[in-house]
Structures are given as structure tokens and as C-alpha cells.
Full PDB file with SEQRES, HELIX, SHEET, SSBOND, CRYST1, ORIGX, SCALE, CONECT and MASTER records, all heavy atoms in Angstrom:
SEQRES   1 A   46  SER PRO TRP GLU GLY LYS ASP PRO GLY MET LYS ARG THR          
SEQRES   2 A   46  TYR SER GLY THR ALA SER GLY ARG GLY ALA VAL TYR ALA          
SEQRES   3 A   46  TRP ASP GLY ASN LYS ASN VAL GLY SER GLY ARG MET GLU          
SEQRES   4 A   46  ILE LEU ASP ALA SER SER PRO                                  
HELIX    1 AA1 PRO A    2  GLY A    5  5                                   4    
SHEET    1 AA1 3 LYS A  11  GLY A  16  0                                        
SHEET    2 AA1 3 ALA A  23  ASP A  28 -1                                        
SHEET    3 AA1 3 SER A  35  GLU A  39 -1                                        
CRYST1    1.000    1.000    1.000  90.00  90.00  90.00 P 1           1          
ORIGX1      1.000000  0.000000  0.000000        0.00000                         
ORIGX2      0.000000  1.000000  0.000000        0.00000                         
ORIGX3      0.000000  0.000000  1.000000        0.00000                         
SCALE1      1.000000  0.000000  0.000000        0.00000                         
SCALE2      0.000000  1.000000  0.000000        0.00000                         
SCALE3      0.000000  0.000000  1.000000        0.00000                         
ATOM      1  N   SER A   1       0.802  -1.200  -0.033  1.00  0.00           N  
ATOM      2  CA  SER A   1       0.035  -0.040   0.049  1.00  0.00           C  
ATOM      3  C   SER A   1       0.823   1.281  -0.040  1.00  0.00           C  
ATOM      4  O   SER A   1       1.741   1.458   0.862  1.00  0.00           O  
ATOM      5  CB  SER A   1      -0.884  -0.020   1.285  1.00  0.00           C  
ATOM      6  OG  SER A   1      -1.616   1.273   1.304  1.00  0.00           O  
ATOM      7  N   PRO A   2       0.713   2.183  -1.015  1.00  0.00           N  
ATOM      8  CA  PRO A   2       1.440   3.418  -0.945  1.00  0.00           C  
ATOM      9  C   PRO A   2       1.161   4.224   0.258  1.00  0.00           C  
ATOM     10  O   PRO A   2       2.026   5.122   0.602  1.00  0.00           O  
ATOM     11  CB  PRO A   2       0.983   4.020  -2.312  1.00  0.00           C  
ATOM     12  CG  PRO A   2      -0.326   3.494  -2.606  1.00  0.00           C  
ATOM     13  CD  PRO A   2      -0.301   2.115  -2.114  1.00  0.00           C  
ATOM     14  N   TRP A   3       0.114   4.133   0.980  1.00  0.00           N  
ATOM     15  CA  TRP A   3      -0.186   5.019   2.045  1.00  0.00           C  
ATOM     16  C   TRP A   3       0.488   4.622   3.273  1.00  0.00           C  
ATOM     17  O   TRP A   3       0.788   5.442   4.055  1.00  0.00           O  
ATOM     18  CB  TRP A   3      -1.717   4.907   2.310  1.00  0.00           C  
ATOM     19  CG  TRP A   3      -2.523   5.467   1.259  1.00  0.00           C  
ATOM     20  CD1 TRP A   3      -3.185   4.737   0.256  1.00  0.00           C  
ATOM     21  CD2 TRP A   3      -2.791   6.811   0.997  1.00  0.00           C  
ATOM     22  NE1 TRP A   3      -3.793   5.648  -0.570  1.00  0.00           N  
ATOM     23  CE2 TRP A   3      -3.507   6.950  -0.196  1.00  0.00           C  
ATOM     24  CE3 TRP A   3      -2.300   8.069   1.625  1.00  0.00           C  
ATOM     25  CZ2 TRP A   3      -3.902   8.155  -0.780  1.00  0.00           C  
ATOM     26  CZ3 TRP A   3      -2.654   9.260   0.975  1.00  0.00           C  
ATOM     27  CH2 TRP A   3      -3.548   9.271  -0.170  1.00  0.00           C  
ATOM     28  N   GLU A   4       1.028   3.396   3.390  1.00  0.00           N  
ATOM     29  CA  GLU A   4       1.769   2.948   4.597  1.00  0.00           C  
ATOM     30  C   GLU A   4       3.018   3.711   4.724  1.00  0.00           C  
ATOM     31  O   GLU A   4       3.467   3.808   5.945  1.00  0.00           O  
ATOM     32  CB  GLU A   4       1.954   1.449   4.523  1.00  0.00           C  
ATOM     33  CG  GLU A   4       0.732   0.607   4.582  1.00  0.00           C  
ATOM     34  CD  GLU A   4       0.167   0.672   5.913  1.00  0.00           C  
ATOM     35  OE1 GLU A   4       0.856   0.738   6.928  1.00  0.00           O  
ATOM     36  OE2 GLU A   4      -1.036   0.705   5.976  1.00  0.00           O  
ATOM     37  N   GLY A   5       3.682   4.313   3.739  1.00  0.00           N  
ATOM     38  CA  GLY A   5       4.958   4.905   3.923  1.00  0.00           C  
ATOM     39  C   GLY A   5       4.807   6.450   4.051  1.00  0.00           C  
ATOM     40  O   GLY A   5       5.872   7.143   4.161  1.00  0.00           O  
ATOM     41  N   LYS A   6       3.624   6.970   3.936  1.00  0.00           N  
ATOM     42  CA  LYS A   6       3.467   8.371   3.973  1.00  0.00           C  
ATOM     43  C   LYS A   6       3.647   9.022   5.422  1.00  0.00           C  
ATOM     44  O   LYS A   6       3.856  10.248   5.560  1.00  0.00           O  
ATOM     45  CB  LYS A   6       2.051   8.862   3.463  1.00  0.00           C  
ATOM     46  CG  LYS A   6       1.891   8.305   2.075  1.00  0.00           C  
ATOM     47  CD  LYS A   6       1.403   9.456   1.161  1.00  0.00           C  
ATOM     48  CE  LYS A   6       1.205   8.986  -0.199  1.00  0.00           C  
ATOM     49  NZ  LYS A   6       1.909   9.857  -1.152  1.00  0.00           N  
ATOM     50  N   ASP A   7       3.496   8.205   6.371  1.00  0.00           N  
ATOM     51  CA  ASP A   7       3.735   8.694   7.694  1.00  0.00           C  
ATOM     52  C   ASP A   7       4.519   7.530   8.610  1.00  0.00           C  
ATOM     53  O   ASP A   7       3.863   6.646   9.093  1.00  0.00           O  
ATOM     54  CB  ASP A   7       2.485   9.070   8.476  1.00  0.00           C  
ATOM     55  CG  ASP A   7       2.653   9.507   9.947  1.00  0.00           C  
ATOM     56  OD1 ASP A   7       3.835   9.678  10.287  1.00  0.00           O  
ATOM     57  OD2 ASP A   7       1.688   9.659  10.561  1.00  0.00           O  
ATOM     58  N   PRO A   8       5.814   7.645   8.759  1.00  0.00           N  
ATOM     59  CA  PRO A   8       6.534   6.677   9.408  1.00  0.00           C  
ATOM     60  C   PRO A   8       6.139   6.499  10.906  1.00  0.00           C  
ATOM     61  O   PRO A   8       6.227   5.418  11.436  1.00  0.00           O  
ATOM     62  CB  PRO A   8       8.091   7.107   9.383  1.00  0.00           C  
ATOM     63  CG  PRO A   8       8.084   8.037   8.251  1.00  0.00           C  
ATOM     64  CD  PRO A   8       6.762   8.668   8.102  1.00  0.00           C  
ATOM     65  N   GLY A   9       5.585   7.593  11.451  1.00  0.00           N  
ATOM     66  CA  GLY A   9       5.201   7.539  12.845  1.00  0.00           C  
ATOM     67  C   GLY A   9       3.625   7.062  13.081  1.00  0.00           C  
ATOM     68  O   GLY A   9       3.138   7.231  14.203  1.00  0.00           O  
ATOM     69  N   MET A  10       3.011   6.709  12.016  1.00  0.00           N  
ATOM     70  CA  MET A  10       1.579   6.353  11.984  1.00  0.00           C  
ATOM     71  C   MET A  10       1.293   5.226  13.064  1.00  0.00           C  
ATOM     72  O   MET A  10       1.985   4.276  13.133  1.00  0.00           O  
ATOM     73  CB  MET A  10       1.103   5.987  10.621  1.00  0.00           C  
ATOM     74  CG  MET A  10      -0.390   5.664  10.580  1.00  0.00           C  
ATOM     75  SD  MET A  10      -0.982   5.434   8.844  1.00  0.00           S  
ATOM     76  CE  MET A  10      -0.038   4.100   8.324  1.00  0.00           C  
ATOM     77  N   LYS A  11       0.311   5.442  13.887  1.00  0.00           N  
ATOM     78  CA  LYS A  11      -0.136   4.427  14.891  1.00  0.00           C  
ATOM     79  C   LYS A  11      -1.145   3.540  14.247  1.00  0.00           C  
ATOM     80  O   LYS A  11      -2.076   4.020  13.642  1.00  0.00           O  
ATOM     81  CB  LYS A  11      -0.666   5.143  16.008  1.00  0.00           C  
ATOM     82  CG  LYS A  11       0.380   6.006  16.813  1.00  0.00           C  
ATOM     83  CD  LYS A  11      -0.406   6.732  17.937  1.00  0.00           C  
ATOM     84  CE  LYS A  11       0.602   7.652  18.614  1.00  0.00           C  
ATOM     85  NZ  LYS A  11       0.017   8.793  19.278  1.00  0.00           N  
ATOM     86  N   ARG A  12      -0.926   2.231  14.385  1.00  0.00           N  
ATOM     87  CA  ARG A  12      -1.730   1.208  13.714  1.00  0.00           C  
ATOM     88  C   ARG A  12      -2.271   0.359  14.919  1.00  0.00           C  
ATOM     89  O   ARG A  12      -1.613  -0.102  15.712  1.00  0.00           O  
ATOM     90  CB  ARG A  12      -1.020   0.386  12.745  1.00  0.00           C  
ATOM     91  CG  ARG A  12      -0.480   1.121  11.571  1.00  0.00           C  
ATOM     92  CD  ARG A  12       0.481   0.217  10.707  1.00  0.00           C  
ATOM     93  NE  ARG A  12       1.109   0.987   9.634  1.00  0.00           N  
ATOM     94  CZ  ARG A  12       2.135   1.722   9.694  1.00  0.00           C  
ATOM     95  NH1 ARG A  12       2.743   1.943  10.913  1.00  0.00           N  
ATOM     96  NH2 ARG A  12       2.550   2.451   8.661  1.00  0.00           N  
ATOM     97  N   THR A  13      -3.568  -0.094  14.665  1.00  0.00           N  
ATOM     98  CA  THR A  13      -4.100  -1.109  15.647  1.00  0.00           C  
ATOM     99  C   THR A  13      -4.867  -2.062  14.801  1.00  0.00           C  
ATOM    100  O   THR A  13      -5.504  -1.734  13.761  1.00  0.00           O  
ATOM    101  CB  THR A  13      -5.067  -0.408  16.616  1.00  0.00           C  
ATOM    102  OG1 THR A  13      -6.178   0.302  16.129  1.00  0.00           O  
ATOM    103  CG2 THR A  13      -4.285   0.451  17.621  1.00  0.00           C  
ATOM    104  N   TYR A  14      -4.775  -3.362  15.182  1.00  0.00           N  
ATOM    105  CA  TYR A  14      -5.478  -4.459  14.563  1.00  0.00           C  
ATOM    106  C   TYR A  14      -6.422  -5.140  15.513  1.00  0.00           C  
ATOM    107  O   TYR A  14      -6.025  -5.283  16.678  1.00  0.00           O  
ATOM    108  CB  TYR A  14      -4.415  -5.439  14.053  1.00  0.00           C  
ATOM    109  CG  TYR A  14      -3.404  -4.881  13.098  1.00  0.00           C  
ATOM    110  CD1 TYR A  14      -2.209  -4.359  13.563  1.00  0.00           C  
ATOM    111  CD2 TYR A  14      -3.672  -4.784  11.701  1.00  0.00           C  
ATOM    112  CE1 TYR A  14      -1.241  -3.822  12.677  1.00  0.00           C  
ATOM    113  CE2 TYR A  14      -2.674  -4.186  10.898  1.00  0.00           C  
ATOM    114  CZ  TYR A  14      -1.463  -3.766  11.370  1.00  0.00           C  
ATOM    115  OH  TYR A  14      -0.526  -3.175  10.494  1.00  0.00           O  
ATOM    116  N   SER A  15      -7.534  -5.440  15.136  1.00  0.00           N  
ATOM    117  CA  SER A  15      -8.471  -6.148  16.071  1.00  0.00           C  
ATOM    118  C   SER A  15      -9.355  -7.034  15.198  1.00  0.00           C  
ATOM    119  O   SER A  15      -9.246  -7.162  14.041  1.00  0.00           O  
ATOM    120  CB  SER A  15      -9.307  -5.168  16.860  1.00  0.00           C  
ATOM    121  OG  SER A  15     -10.021  -4.267  15.992  1.00  0.00           O  
ATOM    122  N   GLY A  16     -10.258  -7.730  15.886  1.00  0.00           N  
ATOM    123  CA  GLY A  16     -11.141  -8.721  15.223  1.00  0.00           C  
ATOM    124  C   GLY A  16     -10.291  -9.964  14.791  1.00  0.00           C  
ATOM    125  O   GLY A  16      -9.430 -10.304  15.548  1.00  0.00           O  
ATOM    126  N   THR A  17     -10.767 -10.484  13.626  1.00  0.00           N  
ATOM    127  CA  THR A  17     -10.074 -11.749  13.270  1.00  0.00           C  
ATOM    128  C   THR A  17      -8.665 -11.409  12.684  1.00  0.00           C  
ATOM    129  O   THR A  17      -8.428 -10.159  12.361  1.00  0.00           O  
ATOM    130  CB  THR A  17     -10.833 -12.497  12.331  1.00  0.00           C  
ATOM    131  OG1 THR A  17     -11.006 -11.639  11.150  1.00  0.00           O  
ATOM    132  CG2 THR A  17     -12.232 -12.907  12.750  1.00  0.00           C  
ATOM    133  N   ALA A  18      -7.704 -12.461  12.594  1.00  0.00           N  
ATOM    134  CA  ALA A  18      -6.449 -12.169  12.090  1.00  0.00           C  
ATOM    135  C   ALA A  18      -6.538 -11.712  10.648  1.00  0.00           C  
ATOM    136  O   ALA A  18      -5.658 -10.872  10.126  1.00  0.00           O  
ATOM    137  CB  ALA A  18      -5.607 -13.327  12.175  1.00  0.00           C  
ATOM    138  N   SER A  19      -7.383 -12.213   9.865  1.00  0.00           N  
ATOM    139  CA  SER A  19      -7.610 -11.890   8.462  1.00  0.00           C  
ATOM    140  C   SER A  19      -8.953 -12.269   8.044  1.00  0.00           C  
ATOM    141  O   SER A  19      -9.657 -12.974   8.725  1.00  0.00           O  
ATOM    142  CB  SER A  19      -6.544 -12.589   7.550  1.00  0.00           C  
ATOM    143  OG  SER A  19      -6.638 -13.938   7.620  1.00  0.00           O  
ATOM    144  N   GLY A  20      -9.338 -11.764   6.925  1.00  0.00           N  
ATOM    145  CA  GLY A  20     -10.726 -12.268   6.280  1.00  0.00           C  
ATOM    146  C   GLY A  20     -11.784 -11.376   6.991  1.00  0.00           C  
ATOM    147  O   GLY A  20     -11.512 -10.402   7.690  1.00  0.00           O  
ATOM    148  N   ARG A  21     -13.049 -12.003   6.882  1.00  0.00           N  
ATOM    149  CA  ARG A  21     -14.175 -11.247   7.438  1.00  0.00           C  
ATOM    150  C   ARG A  21     -13.994 -11.035   8.908  1.00  0.00           C  
ATOM    151  O   ARG A  21     -13.603 -11.890   9.651  1.00  0.00           O  
ATOM    152  CB  ARG A  21     -15.387 -12.124   7.236  1.00  0.00           C  
ATOM    153  CG  ARG A  21     -16.638 -11.492   7.574  1.00  0.00           C  
ATOM    154  CD  ARG A  21     -17.894 -12.347   7.263  1.00  0.00           C  
ATOM    155  NE  ARG A  21     -18.990 -11.469   7.637  1.00  0.00           N  
ATOM    156  CZ  ARG A  21     -20.212 -11.783   7.502  1.00  0.00           C  
ATOM    157  NH1 ARG A  21     -20.568 -12.989   7.004  1.00  0.00           N  
ATOM    158  NH2 ARG A  21     -21.291 -11.139   7.835  1.00  0.00           N  
ATOM    159  N   GLY A  22     -14.240  -9.794   9.260  1.00  0.00           N  
ATOM    160  CA  GLY A  22     -14.195  -9.466  10.670  1.00  0.00           C  
ATOM    161  C   GLY A  22     -12.782  -8.849  11.143  1.00  0.00           C  
ATOM    162  O   GLY A  22     -12.689  -8.350  12.189  1.00  0.00           O  
ATOM    163  N   ALA A  23     -11.870  -8.833  10.271  1.00  0.00           N  
ATOM    164  CA  ALA A  23     -10.542  -8.215  10.577  1.00  0.00           C  
ATOM    165  C   ALA A  23     -10.641  -6.692  10.512  1.00  0.00           C  
ATOM    166  O   ALA A  23     -11.389  -6.153   9.640  1.00  0.00           O  
ATOM    167  CB  ALA A  23      -9.531  -8.659   9.509  1.00  0.00           C  
ATOM    168  N   VAL A  24     -10.128  -5.969  11.381  1.00  0.00           N  
ATOM    169  CA  VAL A  24     -10.170  -4.509  11.587  1.00  0.00           C  
ATOM    170  C   VAL A  24      -8.831  -3.922  11.662  1.00  0.00           C  
ATOM    171  O   VAL A  24      -7.968  -4.474  12.332  1.00  0.00           O  
ATOM    172  CB  VAL A  24     -11.022  -4.253  12.807  1.00  0.00           C  
ATOM    173  CG1 VAL A  24     -11.097  -2.655  12.911  1.00  0.00           C  
ATOM    174  CG2 VAL A  24     -12.442  -4.704  12.702  1.00  0.00           C  
ATOM    175  N   TYR A  25      -8.652  -2.876  10.862  1.00  0.00           N  
ATOM    176  CA  TYR A  25      -7.428  -2.201  10.971  1.00  0.00           C  
ATOM    177  C   TYR A  25      -7.712  -0.655  11.111  1.00  0.00           C  
ATOM    178  O   TYR A  25      -8.551  -0.137  10.387  1.00  0.00           O  
ATOM    179  CB  TYR A  25      -6.677  -2.300   9.564  1.00  0.00           C  
ATOM    180  CG  TYR A  25      -5.452  -1.523   9.370  1.00  0.00           C  
ATOM    181  CD1 TYR A  25      -4.428  -1.298  10.201  1.00  0.00           C  
ATOM    182  CD2 TYR A  25      -5.289  -0.718   8.040  1.00  0.00           C  
ATOM    183  CE1 TYR A  25      -3.294  -0.578   9.961  1.00  0.00           C  
ATOM    184  CE2 TYR A  25      -4.224   0.080   7.843  1.00  0.00           C  
ATOM    185  CZ  TYR A  25      -3.330   0.150   8.780  1.00  0.00           C  
ATOM    186  OH  TYR A  25      -2.139   0.888   8.502  1.00  0.00           O  
ATOM    187  N   ALA A  26      -7.097  -0.030  12.184  1.00  0.00           N  
ATOM    188  CA  ALA A  26      -7.429   1.401  12.377  1.00  0.00           C  
ATOM    189  C   ALA A  26      -6.109   2.117  12.306  1.00  0.00           C  
ATOM    190  O   ALA A  26      -5.080   1.547  12.697  1.00  0.00           O  
ATOM    191  CB  ALA A  26      -8.083   1.643  13.709  1.00  0.00           C  
ATOM    192  N   TRP A  27      -6.028   3.354  11.898  1.00  0.00           N  
ATOM    193  CA  TRP A  27      -4.730   4.112  11.812  1.00  0.00           C  
ATOM    194  C   TRP A  27      -4.969   5.590  12.295  1.00  0.00           C  
ATOM    195  O   TRP A  27      -6.132   6.058  12.265  1.00  0.00           O  
ATOM    196  CB  TRP A  27      -4.208   3.978  10.437  1.00  0.00           C  
ATOM    197  CG  TRP A  27      -4.885   4.921   9.445  1.00  0.00           C  
ATOM    198  CD1 TRP A  27      -4.676   6.254   9.104  1.00  0.00           C  
ATOM    199  CD2 TRP A  27      -6.073   4.506   8.690  1.00  0.00           C  
ATOM    200  NE1 TRP A  27      -5.650   6.689   8.188  1.00  0.00           N  
ATOM    201  CE2 TRP A  27      -6.560   5.590   7.899  1.00  0.00           C  
ATOM    202  CE3 TRP A  27      -6.852   3.321   8.574  1.00  0.00           C  
ATOM    203  CZ2 TRP A  27      -7.730   5.512   7.088  1.00  0.00           C  
ATOM    204  CZ3 TRP A  27      -7.997   3.281   7.767  1.00  0.00           C  
ATOM    205  CH2 TRP A  27      -8.350   4.400   6.981  1.00  0.00           C  
ATOM    206  N   ASP A  28      -3.897   6.169  12.773  1.00  0.00           N  
ATOM    207  CA  ASP A  28      -3.984   7.605  13.204  1.00  0.00           C  
ATOM    208  C   ASP A  28      -2.613   8.104  12.853  1.00  0.00           C  
ATOM    209  O   ASP A  28      -1.558   7.675  13.462  1.00  0.00           O  
ATOM    210  CB  ASP A  28      -4.239   7.599  14.643  1.00  0.00           C  
ATOM    211  CG  ASP A  28      -4.493   9.113  15.156  1.00  0.00           C  
ATOM    212  OD1 ASP A  28      -4.721   9.957  14.258  1.00  0.00           O  
ATOM    213  OD2 ASP A  28      -4.352   9.331  16.364  1.00  0.00           O  
ATOM    214  N   GLY A  29      -2.585   9.025  11.962  1.00  0.00           N  
ATOM    215  CA  GLY A  29      -1.292   9.637  11.482  1.00  0.00           C  
ATOM    216  C   GLY A  29      -1.318  11.156  11.291  1.00  0.00           C  
ATOM    217  O   GLY A  29      -2.191  11.761  11.618  1.00  0.00           O  
ATOM    218  N   ASN A  30      -0.412  11.587  10.511  1.00  0.00           N  
ATOM    219  CA  ASN A  30      -0.131  12.957  10.225  1.00  0.00           C  
ATOM    220  C   ASN A  30      -1.167  13.461   9.210  1.00  0.00           C  
ATOM    221  O   ASN A  30      -2.124  12.692   8.788  1.00  0.00           O  
ATOM    222  CB  ASN A  30       1.221  13.276   9.826  1.00  0.00           C  
ATOM    223  CG  ASN A  30       1.611  12.480   8.510  1.00  0.00           C  
ATOM    224  OD1 ASN A  30       0.789  12.193   7.763  1.00  0.00           O  
ATOM    225  ND2 ASN A  30       2.949  12.481   8.315  1.00  0.00           N  
ATOM    226  N   LYS A  31      -1.008  14.654   8.802  1.00  0.00           N  
ATOM    227  CA  LYS A  31      -1.906  15.230   7.771  1.00  0.00           C  
ATOM    228  C   LYS A  31      -1.946  14.504   6.492  1.00  0.00           C  
ATOM    229  O   LYS A  31      -2.942  14.664   5.665  1.00  0.00           O  
ATOM    230  CB  LYS A  31      -1.662  16.716   7.538  1.00  0.00           C  
ATOM    231  CG  LYS A  31      -0.288  16.928   6.860  1.00  0.00           C  
ATOM    232  CD  LYS A  31      -0.057  18.325   6.709  1.00  0.00           C  
ATOM    233  CE  LYS A  31       1.276  18.545   6.059  1.00  0.00           C  
ATOM    234  NZ  LYS A  31       1.554  19.769   5.381  1.00  0.00           N  
ATOM    235  N   ASN A  32      -0.928  13.664   6.121  1.00  0.00           N  
ATOM    236  CA  ASN A  32      -0.856  13.024   4.903  1.00  0.00           C  
ATOM    237  C   ASN A  32      -1.780  11.725   4.849  1.00  0.00           C  
ATOM    238  O   ASN A  32      -2.212  11.266   3.808  1.00  0.00           O  
ATOM    239  CB  ASN A  32       0.542  12.664   4.492  1.00  0.00           C  
ATOM    240  CG  ASN A  32       1.369  13.814   4.248  1.00  0.00           C  
ATOM    241  OD1 ASN A  32       0.999  14.773   3.615  1.00  0.00           O  
ATOM    242  ND2 ASN A  32       2.618  13.760   4.790  1.00  0.00           N  
ATOM    243  N   VAL A  33      -2.052  11.184   6.053  1.00  0.00           N  
ATOM    244  CA  VAL A  33      -2.724   9.868   6.095  1.00  0.00           C  
ATOM    245  C   VAL A  33      -4.075  10.078   6.963  1.00  0.00           C  
ATOM    246  O   VAL A  33      -4.976   9.308   6.873  1.00  0.00           O  
ATOM    247  CB  VAL A  33      -1.934   8.769   6.619  1.00  0.00           C  
ATOM    248  CG1 VAL A  33      -0.826   8.428   5.665  1.00  0.00           C  
ATOM    249  CG2 VAL A  33      -1.407   8.931   8.026  1.00  0.00           C  
ATOM    250  N   GLY A  34      -4.074  11.086   7.754  1.00  0.00           N  
ATOM    251  CA  GLY A  34      -5.289  11.286   8.674  1.00  0.00           C  
ATOM    252  C   GLY A  34      -5.488  10.103   9.575  1.00  0.00           C  
ATOM    253  O   GLY A  34      -4.567   9.478  10.080  1.00  0.00           O  
ATOM    254  N   SER A  35      -6.651   9.780   9.899  1.00  0.00           N  
ATOM    255  CA  SER A  35      -7.081   8.710  10.708  1.00  0.00           C  
ATOM    256  C   SER A  35      -8.361   8.066  10.216  1.00  0.00           C  
ATOM    257  O   SER A  35      -9.142   8.613   9.481  1.00  0.00           O  
ATOM    258  CB  SER A  35      -7.339   9.175  12.179  1.00  0.00           C  
ATOM    259  OG  SER A  35      -8.447  10.023  12.287  1.00  0.00           O  
ATOM    260  N   GLY A  36      -8.461   6.762  10.405  1.00  0.00           N  
ATOM    261  CA  GLY A  36      -9.701   6.063  10.042  1.00  0.00           C  
ATOM    262  C   GLY A  36      -9.634   4.681  10.407  1.00  0.00           C  
ATOM    263  O   GLY A  36      -8.899   4.168  11.348  1.00  0.00           O  
ATOM    264  N   ARG A  37     -10.558   3.856   9.810  1.00  0.00           N  
ATOM    265  CA  ARG A  37     -10.665   2.526  10.122  1.00  0.00           C  
ATOM    266  C   ARG A  37     -11.288   1.698   8.956  1.00  0.00           C  
ATOM    267  O   ARG A  37     -12.057   2.193   8.166  1.00  0.00           O  
ATOM    268  CB  ARG A  37     -11.846   2.373  11.224  1.00  0.00           C  
ATOM    269  CG  ARG A  37     -12.124   1.039  11.808  1.00  0.00           C  
ATOM    270  CD  ARG A  37     -13.248   1.206  12.917  1.00  0.00           C  
ATOM    271  NE  ARG A  37     -13.542  -0.083  13.520  1.00  0.00           N  
ATOM    272  CZ  ARG A  37     -14.320  -1.045  12.986  1.00  0.00           C  
ATOM    273  NH1 ARG A  37     -14.882  -0.956  11.881  1.00  0.00           N  
ATOM    274  NH2 ARG A  37     -14.566  -2.168  13.581  1.00  0.00           N  
ATOM    275  N   MET A  38     -10.788   0.524   8.840  1.00  0.00           N  
ATOM    276  CA  MET A  38     -11.250  -0.529   7.779  1.00  0.00           C  
ATOM    277  C   MET A  38     -11.662  -1.774   8.389  1.00  0.00           C  
ATOM    278  O   MET A  38     -11.032  -2.229   9.380  1.00  0.00           O  
ATOM    279  CB  MET A  38     -10.082  -0.748   6.771  1.00  0.00           C  
ATOM    280  CG  MET A  38      -9.667   0.366   5.964  1.00  0.00           C  
ATOM    281  SD  MET A  38      -8.548  -0.058   4.588  1.00  0.00           S  
ATOM    282  CE  MET A  38      -6.986  -0.431   5.462  1.00  0.00           C  
ATOM    283  N   GLU A  39     -12.680  -2.370   7.848  1.00  0.00           N  
ATOM    284  CA  GLU A  39     -13.205  -3.713   8.379  1.00  0.00           C  
ATOM    285  C   GLU A  39     -13.451  -4.517   7.153  1.00  0.00           C  
ATOM    286  O   GLU A  39     -14.203  -4.103   6.255  1.00  0.00           O  
ATOM    287  CB  GLU A  39     -14.330  -3.535   9.322  1.00  0.00           C  
ATOM    288  CG  GLU A  39     -14.854  -4.922   9.751  1.00  0.00           C  
ATOM    289  CD  GLU A  39     -15.957  -4.697  10.735  1.00  0.00           C  
ATOM    290  OE1 GLU A  39     -16.345  -3.628  11.161  1.00  0.00           O  
ATOM    291  OE2 GLU A  39     -16.558  -5.764  11.091  1.00  0.00           O  
ATOM    292  N   ILE A  40     -13.008  -5.719   7.155  1.00  0.00           N  
ATOM    293  CA  ILE A  40     -13.299  -6.602   5.992  1.00  0.00           C  
ATOM    294  C   ILE A  40     -14.658  -7.227   6.305  1.00  0.00           C  
ATOM    295  O   ILE A  40     -14.994  -7.911   7.286  1.00  0.00           O  
ATOM    296  CB  ILE A  40     -12.289  -7.830   5.896  1.00  0.00           C  
ATOM    297  CG1 ILE A  40     -10.949  -7.152   5.532  1.00  0.00           C  
ATOM    298  CG2 ILE A  40     -12.780  -8.752   4.788  1.00  0.00           C  
ATOM    299  CD1 ILE A  40      -9.844  -8.174   5.366  1.00  0.00           C  
ATOM    300  N   LEU A  41     -15.693  -6.920   5.376  1.00  0.00           N  
ATOM    301  CA  LEU A  41     -17.004  -7.341   5.377  1.00  0.00           C  
ATOM    302  C   LEU A  41     -17.256  -8.773   4.763  1.00  0.00           C  
ATOM    303  O   LEU A  41     -18.101  -9.489   5.159  1.00  0.00           O  
ATOM    304  CB  LEU A  41     -17.949  -6.414   4.831  1.00  0.00           C  
ATOM    305  CG  LEU A  41     -17.913  -4.988   5.388  1.00  0.00           C  
ATOM    306  CD1 LEU A  41     -18.874  -4.028   4.636  1.00  0.00           C  
ATOM    307  CD2 LEU A  41     -18.301  -4.917   6.959  1.00  0.00           C  
ATOM    308  N   ASP A  42     -16.531  -8.970   3.676  1.00  0.00           N  
ATOM    309  CA  ASP A  42     -16.671 -10.247   2.953  1.00  0.00           C  
ATOM    310  C   ASP A  42     -15.315 -10.651   2.278  1.00  0.00           C  
ATOM    311  O   ASP A  42     -14.642  -9.711   1.825  1.00  0.00           O  
ATOM    312  CB  ASP A  42     -17.724 -10.064   1.892  1.00  0.00           C  
ATOM    313  CG  ASP A  42     -18.028 -11.393   1.190  1.00  0.00           C  
ATOM    314  OD1 ASP A  42     -17.904 -12.434   1.733  1.00  0.00           O  
ATOM    315  OD2 ASP A  42     -18.408 -11.269  -0.022  1.00  0.00           O  
ATOM    316  N   ALA A  43     -14.972 -11.827   2.280  1.00  0.00           N  
ATOM    317  CA  ALA A  43     -13.745 -12.239   1.614  1.00  0.00           C  
ATOM    318  C   ALA A  43     -14.091 -13.616   1.068  1.00  0.00           C  
ATOM    319  O   ALA A  43     -14.277 -14.618   1.660  1.00  0.00           O  
ATOM    320  CB  ALA A  43     -12.623 -12.422   2.663  1.00  0.00           C  
ATOM    321  N   SER A  44     -14.037 -13.603  -0.335  1.00  0.00           N  
ATOM    322  CA  SER A  44     -14.391 -14.889  -1.028  1.00  0.00           C  
ATOM    323  C   SER A  44     -13.034 -15.279  -1.826  1.00  0.00           C  
ATOM    324  O   SER A  44     -12.848 -14.736  -2.895  1.00  0.00           O  
ATOM    325  CB  SER A  44     -15.495 -14.658  -1.948  1.00  0.00           C  
ATOM    326  OG  SER A  44     -16.650 -14.258  -1.296  1.00  0.00           O  
ATOM    327  N   SER A  45     -12.272 -16.178  -1.266  1.00  0.00           N  
ATOM    328  CA  SER A  45     -11.023 -16.569  -1.794  1.00  0.00           C  
ATOM    329  C   SER A  45     -11.175 -17.268  -3.166  1.00  0.00           C  
ATOM    330  O   SER A  45     -12.044 -18.105  -3.241  1.00  0.00           O  
ATOM    331  CB  SER A  45     -10.156 -17.418  -0.837  1.00  0.00           C  
ATOM    332  OG  SER A  45      -8.947 -17.747  -1.380  1.00  0.00           O  
ATOM    333  N   PRO A  46     -10.398 -17.030  -4.120  1.00  0.00           N  
ATOM    334  CA  PRO A  46      -9.315 -15.935  -4.128  1.00  0.00           C  
ATOM    335  C   PRO A  46      -9.736 -14.705  -4.989  1.00  0.00           C  
ATOM    336  O   PRO A  46      -8.919 -14.058  -5.575  1.00  0.00           O  
ATOM    337  CB  PRO A  46      -8.211 -16.733  -4.906  1.00  0.00           C  
ATOM    338  CG  PRO A  46      -8.942 -17.554  -6.038  1.00  0.00           C  
ATOM    339  CD  PRO A  46     -10.227 -17.885  -5.231  1.00  0.00           C  
TER     340      PRO A  46                                                      
MASTER        0    0    0    1    3    0    0    6  339    1    0    4          
END                                                                             
């Protein structure tokens, strides 16, 4: 992801399942990345 390198000090938290449906990723960073949250709602491999 090109966004991951925009703020070296970005705080990341992971919750929910390790991967797939229910996995959650939240971030809080500088003005280049802001803050937010993502959650996988559906994952149909592959």
C-alpha cells in the first residue's frame, strides 16, 4: 500500500479476526494519512 509509507510514525491497531471477514485495521497519522478504520465485510478466496 502506498499510504503505509506516507507517515513513518503512524499508529496502527489491529483487532477482530487475524484476516478475512471481521478483521479490523485502524490508523492515526499525520496530515498525509489522517485517521480512520477499515473492516473486511466479505472475503471470497481468491
